[in-house]
Amino acid sequence: MQWTSIAAIYLLFWVMTAFMMLPFGIRTHDEVGEARVPGQAESAPANFRPGKLLLRATMISTVLTVLFVLNYEYGWIGPDDMNIFPEPPEQTQR
């Protein structure tokens, strides 16, 4: 596998992981007990930490990319392993 393919797969995993982790650990101002700024949405986060999110997304996407590349190289799970539908029964002619 070329390094550009690995980089593209890593980027896709990173973006997917970052967006999936966005809602976890976020608290609103009402939940934290802080006063809201006038005109602020009720759902606005009070404790958003982008650095922590970036670090977690980087670690998770690195592990996922390594697993993906190793599976590509060694063929642990292939398309035949993911077929959940059984073969159709044979039709007999009358």
Protein backbone atom coordinates (compact mmCIF):
# COMPACT_ATOMS: atom_id res chain seq x y z
CA MET A 1 0.00 0.00 0.00
CA GLN A 2 1.37 3.41 -0.92
CA TRP A 3 2.03 6.02 1.75
CA THR A 4 -0.40 8.43 0.10
CA SER A 5 -3.19 5.86 0.46
CA ILE A 6 -2.30 5.36 4.11
CA ALA A 7 -2.32 9.14 4.68
CA ALA A 8 -5.74 9.47 3.02
CA ILE A 9 -7.16 6.62 5.10
CA TYR A 10 -5.68 8.18 8.26
CA LEU A 11 -7.27 11.53 7.41
CA LEU A 12 -10.65 9.91 6.85
CA PHE A 13 -10.41 8.04 10.16
CA TRP A 14 -9.29 11.23 11.93
CA VAL A 15 -12.18 13.36 10.65
CA MET A 16 -14.71 10.60 11.36
CA THR A 17 -13.35 10.11 14.88
CA ALA A 18 -13.24 13.82 15.66
CA PHE A 19 -16.85 14.38 14.58
CA MET A 20 -18.06 11.30 16.45
CA MET A 21 -16.36 12.47 19.67
CA LEU A 22 -17.64 16.06 19.60
CA PRO A 23 -20.74 15.55 21.77
CA PHE A 24 -19.03 13.46 24.49
CA GLY A 25 -18.12 15.22 27.74
CA ILE A 26 -19.70 18.54 26.77
CA ARG A 27 -21.78 20.32 29.40
CA THR A 28 -24.02 23.34 28.92
CA HIS A 29 -23.86 26.43 31.10
CA ASP A 30 -26.97 25.31 32.96
CA GLU A 31 -25.40 21.92 33.77
CA VAL A 32 -22.17 23.51 34.97
CA GLY A 33 -23.97 26.26 36.90
CA GLU A 34 -22.50 29.22 35.05
CA ALA A 35 -24.41 32.27 33.89
CA ARG A 36 -25.14 32.54 30.18
CA VAL A 37 -24.28 35.56 28.07
CA PRO A 38 -27.41 37.37 26.82
CA GLY A 39 -28.38 35.99 23.42
CA GLN A 40 -26.42 32.77 23.89
CA ALA A 41 -28.06 29.51 22.84
CA GLU A 42 -29.12 27.21 25.66
CA SER A 43 -27.20 24.35 24.08
CA ALA A 44 -23.87 26.22 23.80
CA PRO A 45 -21.03 24.29 25.46
CA ALA A 46 -19.39 25.71 28.56
CA ASN A 47 -16.39 23.39 28.75
CA PHE A 48 -15.30 22.73 25.15
CA ARG A 49 -11.64 21.67 25.05
CA PRO A 50 -10.46 21.38 21.42
CA GLY A 51 -6.94 20.30 22.38
CA LYS A 52 -8.21 17.29 24.27
CA LEU A 53 -10.51 16.40 21.37
CA LEU A 54 -7.65 16.64 18.85
CA LEU A 55 -5.38 14.47 21.00
CA ARG A 56 -8.02 11.78 21.47
CA ALA A 57 -8.97 11.80 17.78
CA THR A 58 -5.30 11.48 16.82
CA MET A 59 -4.71 8.51 19.10
CA ILE A 60 -7.87 6.65 18.08
CA SER A 61 -7.39 7.28 14.35
CA THR A 62 -3.76 6.13 14.57
CA VAL A 63 -4.84 2.81 16.11
CA LEU A 64 -7.62 2.39 13.53
CA THR A 65 -5.27 3.15 10.64
CA VAL A 66 -2.66 0.67 11.89
CA LEU A 67 -5.34 -2.02 12.21
CA PHE A 68 -6.65 -1.22 8.73
CA VAL A 69 -3.20 -1.42 7.12
CA LEU A 70 -2.34 -4.65 8.96
CA ASN A 71 -5.63 -6.18 7.85
CA TYR A 72 -4.88 -5.09 4.29
CA GLU A 73 -1.42 -6.67 4.41
CA TYR A 74 -2.32 -9.93 6.16
CA GLY A 75 -5.94 -10.37 5.04
CA TRP A 76 -7.44 -11.17 8.44
CA ILE A 77 -10.97 -10.12 7.44
CA GLY A 78 -12.03 -10.17 3.80
CA PRO A 79 -15.24 -9.69 1.85
CA ASP A 80 -16.13 -13.38 2.19
CA ASP A 81 -15.95 -13.11 5.98
CA MET A 82 -18.46 -10.25 5.98
CA ASN A 83 -21.12 -12.05 3.91
CA ILE A 84 -24.04 -12.41 6.33
CA PHE A 85 -26.45 -13.85 3.81
CA PRO A 86 -26.36 -17.60 3.20
CA GLU A 87 -26.14 -19.06 -0.26
CA PRO A 88 -29.57 -19.45 -1.88
CA PRO A 89 -30.90 -23.01 -2.06
CA GLU A 90 -30.46 -24.87 -5.30
CA GLN A 91 -33.44 -24.86 -7.61
CA THR A 92 -34.51 -28.24 -8.94
CA GLN A 93 -36.19 -28.53 -12.30
CA ARG A 94 -39.51 -30.36 -12.51
